[in-house]
C-alpha atoms as a PDB file:
ATOM      1  CA  UNK A   1      -0.101   0.076   0.067  1.00  0.00           C
ATOM      2  CA  UNK A   2       0.929   3.729  -0.231  1.00  0.00           C
ATOM      3  CA  UNK A   3       1.169   5.939   2.794  1.00  0.00           C
ATOM      4  CA  UNK A   4      -1.013   8.907   3.237  1.00  0.00           C
ATOM      5  CA  UNK A   5       0.487  12.239   2.103  1.00  0.00           C
ATOM      6  CA  UNK A   6       2.825  13.793   4.682  1.00  0.00           C
ATOM      7  CA  UNK A   7       5.270  16.572   5.226  1.00  0.00           C
ATOM      8  CA  UNK A   8       8.953  15.637   5.591  1.00  0.00           C
ATOM      9  CA  UNK A   9      11.276  17.751   7.789  1.00  0.00           C
ATOM     10  CA  UNK A  10      15.035  17.228   8.443  1.00  0.00           C
ATOM     11  CA  UNK A  11      15.860  19.264  11.539  1.00  0.00           C
ATOM     12  CA  UNK A  12      19.483  20.627  11.975  1.00  0.00           C
ATOM     13  CA  UNK A  13      19.779  20.041  15.751  1.00  0.00           C
ATOM     14  CA  UNK A  14      18.326  18.348  18.681  1.00  0.00           C
ATOM     15  CA  UNK A  15      16.735  21.455  19.979  1.00  0.00           C
ATOM     16  CA  UNK A  16      15.037  22.003  16.644  1.00  0.00           C
ATOM     17  CA  UNK A  17      13.780  18.565  16.843  1.00  0.00           C
ATOM     18  CA  UNK A  18      12.389  18.810  20.283  1.00  0.00           C
ATOM     19  CA  UNK A  19      10.659  22.032  19.389  1.00  0.00           C
ATOM     20  CA  UNK A  20       8.993  20.226  16.508  1.00  0.00           C
ATOM     21  CA  UNK A  21       7.687  17.418  18.677  1.00  0.00           C
ATOM     22  CA  UNK A  22       6.369  19.873  21.313  1.00  0.00           C
ATOM     23  CA  UNK A  23       3.108  20.141  19.140  1.00  0.00           C
ATOM     24  CA  UNK A  24       1.470  18.830  16.206  1.00  0.00           C
ATOM     25  CA  UNK A  25       0.955  15.394  14.605  1.00  0.00           C
ATOM     26  CA  UNK A  26       4.491  14.287  13.995  1.00  0.00           C
ATOM     27  CA  UNK A  27       6.391  11.046  14.031  1.00  0.00           C
ATOM     28  CA  UNK A  28      10.235  10.484  14.360  1.00  0.00           C
ATOM     29  CA  UNK A  29      11.885   8.685  11.521  1.00  0.00           C
ATOM     30  CA  UNK A  30      15.472   7.201  12.381  1.00  0.00           C
ATOM     31  CA  UNK A  31      16.067   3.940  10.456  1.00  0.00           C
ATOM     32  CA  UNK A  32      12.514   3.555   9.370  1.00  0.00           C
ATOM     33  CA  UNK A  33      12.227  -0.205  10.070  1.00  0.00           C
ATOM     34  CA  UNK A  34       9.108   0.229  12.241  1.00  0.00           C
ATOM     35  CA  UNK A  35       7.514   3.505  11.131  1.00  0.00           C
ATOM     36  CA  UNK A  36       7.518   2.952   7.470  1.00  0.00           C
ATOM     37  CA  UNK A  37       5.672  -0.428   7.353  1.00  0.00           C
ATOM     38  CA  UNK A  38       3.055   1.079   9.636  1.00  0.00           C
ATOM     39  CA  UNK A  39       2.548   4.150   7.332  1.00  0.00           C
ATOM     40  CA  UNK A  40       2.337   1.852   4.352  1.00  0.00           C
ATOM     41  CA  UNK A  41      -0.391  -0.190   5.874  1.00  0.00           C
ATOM     42  CA  UNK A  42      -1.874   3.216   7.120  1.00  0.00           C
ATOM     43  CA  UNK A  43      -1.777   2.034  10.781  1.00  0.00           C
ATOM     44  CA  UNK A  44       0.134   5.266  11.318  1.00  0.00           C
ATOM     45  CA  UNK A  45      -0.857   8.438   9.285  1.00  0.00           C
ATOM     46  CA  UNK A  46       1.300  11.394  10.648  1.00  0.00           C
ATOM     47  CA  UNK A  47       0.787  14.841   9.215  1.00  0.00           C
ATOM     48  CA  UNK A  48       4.608  15.184   9.357  1.00  0.00           C
ATOM     49  CA  UNK A  49       7.632  12.846   9.538  1.00  0.00           C
ATOM     50  CA  UNK A  50      10.772  14.319  11.240  1.00  0.00           C
ATOM     51  CA  UNK A  51      14.021  12.587  10.000  1.00  0.00           C
ATOM     52  CA  UNK A  52      16.674  12.423  12.702  1.00  0.00           C
ATOM     53  CA  UNK A  53      18.771   9.854  11.074  1.00  0.00           C
ATOM     54  CA  UNK A  54      21.552  12.191  10.324  1.00  0.00           C
ATOM     55  CA  UNK A  55      21.193  14.431  13.395  1.00  0.00           C
ATOM     56  CA  UNK A  56      24.541  15.289  14.902  1.00  0.00           C
ATOM     57  CA  UNK A  57      25.409  13.875  18.356  1.00  0.00           C
ATOM     58  CA  UNK A  58      22.936  10.825  18.434  1.00  0.00           C
ATOM     59  CA  UNK A  59      25.035   8.156  17.066  1.00  0.00           C
ATOM     60  CA  UNK A  60      27.768   7.866  19.482  1.00  0.00           C
ATOM     61  CA  UNK A  61      29.124   4.816  21.442  1.00  0.00           C
ATOM     62  CA  UNK A  62      31.381   5.862  24.286  1.00  0.00           C
ATOM     63  CA  UNK A  63      32.366   4.447  27.731  1.00  0.00           C
ATOM     64  CA  UNK A  64      32.709   6.900  30.648  1.00  0.00           C
ATOM     65  CA  UNK A  65      32.990   6.096  34.332  1.00  0.00           C
ATOM     66  CA  UNK A  66      31.927   2.609  34.087  1.00  0.00           C
ATOM     67  CA  UNK A  67      28.878   3.282  31.802  1.00  0.00           C
ATOM     68  CA  UNK A  68      28.566   2.549  28.030  1.00  0.00           C
ATOM     69  CA  UNK A  69      26.631   5.457  26.372  1.00  0.00           C
ATOM     70  CA  UNK A  70      24.835   4.528  23.167  1.00  0.00           C
ATOM     71  CA  UNK A  71      23.179   7.350  21.151  1.00  0.00           C
ATOM     72  CA  UNK A  72      19.603   6.683  19.875  1.00  0.00           C
ATOM     73  CA  UNK A  73      20.509   6.581  16.274  1.00  0.00           C
ATOM     74  CA  UNK A  74      23.395   3.999  16.533  1.00  0.00           C
ATOM     75  CA  UNK A  75      22.448   1.193  14.276  1.00  0.00           C
ATOM     76  CA  UNK A  76      22.194  -2.600  15.163  1.00  0.00           C
ATOM     77  CA  UNK A  77      25.298  -3.027  12.997  1.00  0.00           C
ATOM     78  CA  UNK A  78      27.105  -0.227  15.027  1.00  0.00           C
ATOM     79  CA  UNK A  79      26.265  -2.112  18.115  1.00  0.00           C
ATOM     80  CA  UNK A  80      27.113  -5.421  17.000  1.00  0.00           C
ATOM     81  CA  UNK A  81      30.538  -4.395  15.645  1.00  0.00           C
ATOM     82  CA  UNK A  82      31.546  -1.715  18.273  1.00  0.00           C
ATOM     83  CA  UNK A  83      34.956  -2.632  19.956  1.00  0.00           C
ATOM     84  CA  UNK A  84      33.578  -0.838  22.989  1.00  0.00           C
ATOM     85  CA  UNK A  85      30.364  -2.733  23.360  1.00  0.00           C
ATOM     86  CA  UNK A  86      32.029  -5.971  22.410  1.00  0.00           C
ATOM     87  CA  UNK A  87      34.638  -5.441  25.292  1.00  0.00           C
ATOM     88  CA  UNK A  88      32.307  -3.866  27.917  1.00  0.00           C
ATOM     89  CA  UNK A  89      28.776  -4.952  27.251  1.00  0.00           C
ATOM     90  CA  UNK A  90      29.048  -8.181  25.046  1.00  0.00           C
ATOM     91  CA  UNK A  91      25.571  -9.248  25.874  1.00  0.00           C
ATOM     92  CA  UNK A  92      24.181  -6.368  23.878  1.00  0.00           C
ATOM     93  CA  UNK A  93      26.378  -6.945  20.921  1.00  0.00           C
ATOM     94  CA  UNK A  94      25.310 -10.627  20.938  1.00  0.00           C
ATOM     95  CA  UNK A  95      21.653  -9.515  20.867  1.00  0.00           C
ATOM     96  CA  UNK A  96      22.226  -6.872  18.218  1.00  0.00           C
ATOM     97  CA  UNK A  97      23.801  -9.719  15.917  1.00  0.00           C
ATOM     98  CA  UNK A  98      20.612 -11.719  16.082  1.00  0.00           C
ATOM     99  CA  UNK A  99      18.219  -8.988  14.846  1.00  0.00           C
ATOM    100  CA  UNK A 100      16.533  -9.248  11.556  1.00  0.00           C
ATOM    101  CA  UNK A 101      18.913  -9.672   8.669  1.00  0.00           C
ATOM    102  CA  UNK A 102      21.864  -7.493   7.309  1.00  0.00           C
ATOM    103  CA  UNK A 103      19.671  -4.968   5.769  1.00  0.00           C
ATOM    104  CA  UNK A 104      17.688  -4.370   8.868  1.00  0.00           C
ATOM    105  CA  UNK A 105      20.900  -4.338  11.086  1.00  0.00           C
ATOM    106  CA  UNK A 106      22.405  -1.587   8.728  1.00  0.00           C
ATOM    107  CA  UNK A 107      19.351   0.705   9.015  1.00  0.00           C
ATOM    108  CA  UNK A 108      17.561   0.036  12.154  1.00  0.00           C
ATOM    109  CA  UNK A 109      18.522   1.966  15.264  1.00  0.00           C
ATOM    110  CA  UNK A 110      18.467   1.116  19.078  1.00  0.00           C
ATOM    111  CA  UNK A 111      16.349   4.157  19.841  1.00  0.00           C
ATOM    112  CA  UNK A 112      13.737   3.315  17.313  1.00  0.00           C
ATOM    113  CA  UNK A 113      13.523  -0.365  18.260  1.00  0.00           C
ATOM    114  CA  UNK A 114      13.282   0.629  22.068  1.00  0.00           C
ATOM    115  CA  UNK A 115      10.779   3.351  21.455  1.00  0.00           C
ATOM    116  CA  UNK A 116       8.590   1.030  19.212  1.00  0.00           C
ATOM    117  CA  UNK A 117       8.550  -1.597  21.991  1.00  0.00           C
ATOM    118  CA  UNK A 118       7.515  -4.512  19.921  1.00  0.00           C
ATOM    119  CA  UNK A 119       6.720  -7.291  22.335  1.00  0.00           C
ATOM    120  CA  UNK A 120       8.870  -9.520  20.195  1.00  0.00           C
ATOM    121  CA  UNK A 121      11.834  -7.232  19.834  1.00  0.00           C
ATOM    122  CA  UNK A 122      15.427  -8.404  20.777  1.00  0.00           C
ATOM    123  CA  UNK A 123      16.814  -5.412  22.688  1.00  0.00           C
ATOM    124  CA  UNK A 124      14.412  -5.202  25.541  1.00  0.00           C
ATOM    125  CA  UNK A 125      15.348  -8.640  27.113  1.00  0.00           C
ATOM    126  CA  UNK A 126      19.167  -7.564  27.203  1.00  0.00           C
ATOM    127  CA  UNK A 127      18.437  -3.976  28.355  1.00  0.00           C
ATOM    128  CA  UNK A 128      16.484  -5.507  31.231  1.00  0.00           C
ATOM    129  CA  UNK A 129      19.231  -7.999  32.062  1.00  0.00           C
ATOM    130  CA  UNK A 130      21.759  -5.362  31.926  1.00  0.00           C
ATOM    131  CA  UNK A 131      19.844  -2.890  34.182  1.00  0.00           C
ATOM    132  CA  UNK A 132      20.138  -0.206  31.487  1.00  0.00           C
ATOM    133  CA  UNK A 133      18.853   3.412  31.866  1.00  0.00           C
ATOM    134  CA  UNK A 134      17.012   5.311  29.079  1.00  0.00           C
ATOM    135  CA  UNK A 135      17.729   8.996  28.722  1.00  0.00           C
ATOM    136  CA  UNK A 136      14.789  10.976  27.349  1.00  0.00           C
ATOM    137  CA  UNK A 137      14.595  14.629  26.280  1.00  0.00           C
ATOM    138  CA  UNK A 138      11.867  17.048  25.470  1.00  0.00           C
ATOM    139  CA  UNK A 139      11.371  20.656  24.943  1.00  0.00           C
ATOM    140  CA  UNK A 140      10.732  20.751  28.833  1.00  0.00           C
ATOM    141  CA  UNK A 141      13.881  19.015  29.803  1.00  0.00           C
ATOM    142  CA  UNK A 142      15.433  15.703  30.256  1.00  0.00           C
ATOM    143  CA  UNK A 143      14.837  12.634  32.411  1.00  0.00           C
ATOM    144  CA  UNK A 144      16.425   9.192  32.697  1.00  0.00           C
ATOM    145  CA  UNK A 145      14.458   6.127  33.779  1.00  0.00           C
ATOM    146  CA  UNK A 146      15.442   2.381  34.234  1.00  0.00           C
ATOM    147  CA  UNK A 147      14.514   0.050  31.369  1.00  0.00           C
ATOM    148  CA  UNK A 148      12.440  -1.818  33.920  1.00  0.00           C
ATOM    149  CA  UNK A 149      10.167   1.180  34.193  1.00  0.00           C
ATOM    150  CA  UNK A 150      10.127   2.042  30.532  1.00  0.00           C
ATOM    151  CA  UNK A 151       8.391  -0.970  28.837  1.00  0.00           C
ATOM    152  CA  UNK A 152       4.747  -0.975  29.844  1.00  0.00           C
ATOM    153  CA  UNK A 153       2.625  -3.192  27.494  1.00  0.00           C
ATOM    154  CA  UNK A 154       2.866  -4.187  23.813  1.00  0.00           C
ATOM    155  CA  UNK A 155       4.067  -1.057  21.836  1.00  0.00           C
ATOM    156  CA  UNK A 156       3.461   1.092  25.060  1.00  0.00           C
ATOM    157  CA  UNK A 157       6.261   2.712  26.837  1.00  0.00           C
ATOM    158  CA  UNK A 158       6.788   5.575  29.499  1.00  0.00           C
ATOM    159  CA  UNK A 159       7.607   8.018  26.782  1.00  0.00           C
ATOM    160  CA  UNK A 160       5.363  11.123  27.233  1.00  0.00           C
ATOM    161  CA  UNK A 161       4.058  13.214  24.262  1.00  0.00           C
ATOM    162  CA  UNK A 162       6.924  15.295  22.781  1.00  0.00           C
ATOM    163  CA  UNK A 163       9.736  13.169  24.372  1.00  0.00           C
ATOM    164  CA  UNK A 164      12.572  11.421  22.375  1.00  0.00           C
ATOM    165  CA  UNK A 165      15.008   8.759  23.368  1.00  0.00           C
ATOM    166  CA  UNK A 166      18.444  10.318  23.065  1.00  0.00           C
ATOM    167  CA  UNK A 167      20.585   7.845  24.733  1.00  0.00           C
ATOM    168  CA  UNK A 168      20.910   4.303  26.213  1.00  0.00           C
ATOM    169  CA  UNK A 169      22.992   3.948  29.217  1.00  0.00           C
ATOM    170  CA  UNK A 170      24.458   0.537  30.127  1.00  0.00           C
ATOM    171  CA  UNK A 171      26.644  -0.341  33.164  1.00  0.00           C
ATOM    172  CA  UNK A 172      29.807  -2.019  32.148  1.00  0.00           C
ATOM    173  CA  UNK A 173      29.829  -5.859  32.766  1.00  0.00           C
ATOM    174  CA  UNK A 174      32.172  -6.981  35.335  1.00  0.00           C
ATOM    175  CA  UNK A 175      35.066  -9.407  34.278  1.00  0.00           C
ATOM    176  CA  UNK A 176      33.714 -12.239  36.221  1.00  0.00           C
ATOM    177  CA  UNK A 177      30.165 -12.063  34.627  1.00  0.00           C
ATOM    178  CA  UNK A 178      28.946 -14.502  32.112  1.00  0.00           C
ATOM    179  CA  UNK A 179      26.212 -13.723  29.567  1.00  0.00           C
ATOM    180  CA  UNK A 180      23.965 -15.185  26.857  1.00  0.00           C
ATOM    181  CA  UNK A 181      21.191 -14.281  24.588  1.00  0.00           C
ATOM    182  CA  UNK A 182      19.124 -17.152  23.128  1.00  0.00           C
ATOM    183  CA  UNK A 183      15.965 -16.871  21.115  1.00  0.00           C
ATOM    184  CA  UNK A 184      13.640 -18.625  18.836  1.00  0.00           C
ATOM    185  CA  UNK A 185      13.334 -16.645  15.735  1.00  0.00           C
ATOM    186  CA  UNK A 186      10.068 -16.398  13.772  1.00  0.00           C
ATOM    187  CA  UNK A 187      10.855 -18.043  10.435  1.00  0.00           C
ATOM    188  CA  UNK A 188       9.346 -15.153   8.451  1.00  0.00           C
ATOM    189  CA  UNK A 189      10.093 -12.172  10.366  1.00  0.00           C
ATOM    190  CA  UNK A 190      13.158 -13.083  12.489  1.00  0.00           C
ATOM    191  CA  UNK A 191      11.471 -11.567  15.657  1.00  0.00           C
ATOM    192  CA  UNK A 192      11.828 -13.536  18.791  1.00  0.00           C
ATOM    193  CA  UNK A 193       8.990 -16.069  19.527  1.00  0.00           C
ATOM    194  CA  UNK A 194      10.776 -16.120  22.754  1.00  0.00           C
ATOM    195  CA  UNK A 195      14.088 -14.521  23.648  1.00  0.00           C
ATOM    196  CA  UNK A 196      16.047 -14.856  26.886  1.00  0.00           C
ATOM    197  CA  UNK A 197      19.013 -12.655  27.975  1.00  0.00           C
ATOM    198  CA  UNK A 198      20.971 -13.960  30.927  1.00  0.00           C
ATOM    199  CA  UNK A 199      23.819 -12.388  33.001  1.00  0.00           C
ATOM    200  CA  UNK A 200      25.202 -14.061  35.894  1.00  0.00           C
ATOM    201  CA  UNK A 201      28.169 -13.612  38.148  1.00  0.00           C
ATOM    202  CA  UNK A 202      29.921 -16.449  40.146  1.00  0.00           C
ATOM    203  CA  UNK A 203      32.067 -15.867  43.179  1.00  0.00           C
ATOM    204  CA  UNK A 204      33.784 -18.961  44.864  1.00  0.00           C
ATOM    205  CA  UNK A 205      31.580 -21.334  43.008  1.00  0.00           C
ATOM    206  CA  UNK A 206      28.295 -19.449  44.052  1.00  0.00           C
ATOM    207  CA  UNK A 207      26.025 -17.431  41.833  1.00  0.00           C
ATOM    208  CA  UNK A 208      26.041 -14.055  43.581  1.00  0.00           C
ATOM    209  CA  UNK A 209      24.181 -12.160  40.809  1.00  0.00           C
ATOM    210  CA  UNK A 210      21.435 -13.260  38.344  1.00  0.00           C
ATOM    211  CA  UNK A 211      19.621 -11.034  35.902  1.00  0.00           C
ATOM    212  CA  UNK A 212      17.267 -12.619  33.352  1.00  0.00           C
ATOM    213  CA  UNK A 213      15.289 -10.602  30.767  1.00  0.00           C
ATOM    214  CA  UNK A 214      12.707 -12.290  28.568  1.00  0.00           C
ATOM    215  CA  UNK A 215      10.928 -11.032  25.424  1.00  0.00           C
ATOM    216  CA  UNK A 216       8.406 -12.484  23.010  1.00  0.00           C
ATOM    217  CA  UNK A 217       6.596 -14.541  25.593  1.00  0.00           C
ATOM    218  CA  UNK A 218       4.192 -12.186  27.123  1.00  0.00           C
ATOM    219  CA  UNK A 219       2.626  -8.608  25.954  1.00  0.00           C
ATOM    220  CA  UNK A 220       5.698  -6.890  27.343  1.00  0.00           C
ATOM    221  CA  UNK A 221       9.377  -7.760  27.958  1.00  0.00           C
ATOM    222  CA  UNK A 222      10.106  -8.699  31.755  1.00  0.00           C
ATOM    223  CA  UNK A 223      12.653  -9.525  34.300  1.00  0.00           C
ATOM    224  CA  UNK A 224      12.242 -13.146  35.570  1.00  0.00           C
ATOM    225  CA  UNK A 225      12.776 -12.037  39.192  1.00  0.00           C
ATOM    226  CA  UNK A 226      11.629 -15.317  40.753  1.00  0.00           C
ATOM    227  CA  UNK A 227      14.095 -17.316  38.718  1.00  0.00           C
ATOM    228  CA  UNK A 228      16.779 -14.762  39.507  1.00  0.00           C
ATOM    229  CA  UNK A 229      16.111 -15.182  43.285  1.00  0.00           C
ATOM    230  CA  UNK A 230      16.155 -18.681  43.108  1.00  0.00           C
ATOM    231  CA  UNK A 231      19.658 -18.808  41.491  1.00  0.00           C
ATOM    232  CA  UNK A 232      21.077 -16.385  44.079  1.00  0.00           C
ATOM    233  CA  UNK A 233      19.691 -18.565  46.627  1.00  0.00           C
ATOM    234  CA  UNK A 234      21.499 -21.652  45.549  1.00  0.00           C
ATOM    235  CA  UNK A 235      18.911 -23.441  43.336  1.00  0.00           C
ATOM    236  CA  UNK A 236      19.965 -25.297  40.307  1.00  0.00           C
ATOM    237  CA  UNK A 237      19.673 -23.713  36.794  1.00  0.00           C
ATOM    238  CA  UNK A 238      16.918 -26.302  36.097  1.00  0.00           C
ATOM    239  CA  UNK A 239      14.786 -25.139  38.855  1.00  0.00           C
ATOM    240  CA  UNK A 240      15.390 -21.416  38.158  1.00  0.00           C
ATOM    241  CA  UNK A 241      14.563 -21.954  34.460  1.00  0.00           C
ATOM    242  CA  UNK A 242      11.397 -23.923  35.340  1.00  0.00           C
ATOM    243  CA  UNK A 243      10.144 -20.641  37.031  1.00  0.00           C
ATOM    244  CA  UNK A 244      11.108 -18.225  34.423  1.00  0.00           C
ATOM    245  CA  UNK A 245       7.553 -17.791  33.234  1.00  0.00           C
ATOM    246  CA  UNK A 246       5.846 -17.751  36.562  1.00  0.00           C
ATOM    247  CA  UNK A 247       3.299 -14.877  37.041  1.00  0.00           C
ATOM    248  CA  UNK A 248       3.224 -13.864  33.301  1.00  0.00           C
ATOM    249  CA  UNK A 249       0.394 -14.072  30.868  1.00  0.00           C
ATOM    250  CA  UNK A 250       1.877 -15.805  27.700  1.00  0.00           C
ATOM    251  CA  UNK A 251       1.100 -14.619  24.204  1.00  0.00           C
ATOM    252  CA  UNK A 252      -0.649 -16.956  21.714  1.00  0.00           C
ATOM    253  CA  UNK A 253      -1.057 -16.693  17.932  1.00  0.00           C
ATOM    254  CA  UNK A 254      -1.249 -18.905  14.920  1.00  0.00           C
ATOM    255  CA  UNK A 255       2.499 -19.688  15.184  1.00  0.00           C
ATOM    256  CA  UNK A 256       2.807 -20.524  18.846  1.00  0.00           C
ATOM    257  CA  UNK A 257       0.295 -21.075  21.397  1.00  0.00           C
ATOM    258  CA  UNK A 258       0.610 -19.853  25.012  1.00  0.00           C
ATOM    259  CA  UNK A 259       1.494 -23.320  26.351  1.00  0.00           C
ATOM    260  CA  UNK A 260       4.260 -23.625  23.758  1.00  0.00           C
ATOM    261  CA  UNK A 261       5.726 -20.175  24.502  1.00  0.00           C
ATOM    262  CA  UNK A 262       5.842 -21.011  28.135  1.00  0.00           C
ATOM    263  CA  UNK A 263       7.757 -24.208  27.285  1.00  0.00           C
ATOM    264  CA  UNK A 264      10.152 -22.401  25.044  1.00  0.00           C
ATOM    265  CA  UNK A 265      10.805 -19.811  27.721  1.00  0.00           C
ATOM    266  CA  UNK A 266      11.908 -22.570  30.128  1.00  0.00           C
ATOM    267  CA  UNK A 267      14.054 -24.480  27.599  1.00  0.00           C
ATOM    268  CA  UNK A 268      15.793 -21.322  26.346  1.00  0.00           C
ATOM    269  CA  UNK A 269      16.355 -19.868  29.835  1.00  0.00           C
ATOM    270  CA  UNK A 270      18.130 -23.093  30.823  1.00  0.00           C
ATOM    271  CA  UNK A 271      20.226 -22.786  27.568  1.00  0.00           C
ATOM    272  CA  UNK A 272      20.969 -19.086  28.161  1.00  0.00           C
ATOM    273  CA  UNK A 273      21.804 -19.694  31.847  1.00  0.00           C
ATOM    274  CA  UNK A 274      23.974 -22.688  31.136  1.00  0.00           C
ATOM    275  CA  UNK A 275      26.097 -20.778  28.573  1.00  0.00           C
ATOM    276  CA  UNK A 276      26.203 -17.702  30.768  1.00  0.00           C
ATOM    277  CA  UNK A 277      27.462 -19.650  33.756  1.00  0.00           C
ATOM    278  CA  UNK A 278      30.167 -21.415  31.636  1.00  0.00           C
ATOM    279  CA  UNK A 279      31.484 -17.836  30.457  1.00  0.00           C
ATOM    280  CA  UNK A 280      31.620 -16.676  34.080  1.00  0.00           C
ATOM    281  CA  UNK A 281      34.841 -16.960  35.776  1.00  0.00           C
END
């Protein structure tokens, strides 16, 4: 299908962008992997599209004071191949490498994917497991919120009208942490039917930290806190993985039933945790 007619604007600065977003029916375009298909299907029909894909200062990847800072327009390919991310937060690089195909990774951005909040997207599981912070800006100022408070429901986030994601902030993983992102990709779209990001730290043969993010299984990504607590209390990986879907309402569709998604979450949590534990030192 063909999108409805719209105005196209390329702002020259972040301030200009935030002023545009302050009023009117406008949508942000970065990589376009989410917005353009919605517009072609007329599920989104903005009066104006604001292109920030080449906006200065939004595509950085740096490490400062134990935090990796990723600009919103950094592409999946940028994240997958960044020496900083590979060295400091390799779980995120591993997740980025599993997104879509080469064309999608070359164009899609972390800010766009995070803001779109598709319940089957790959990044949210890792951002939750890494306890990332999301920096937002608007014409009225800035705020930073934890990823755990950002994702609310399917395609619904804590973004307020006029706000824009400008940066993802991720604490550097410690040297004795292990990590793994495992997913069941949908054969047509590549989205996660179920995806599990695991991060564990072992001290003197005991798991002292466990963080598990899950995507695809329910209407929103979530932290499997019960499974995390079990691991930190000395339970086996099998026992923790069995609890990873507890308390969540699983999605169901033509490809995977709710019961099948629950089963996949347990199986892939066990796989992710086993590999993460083997990588910890």
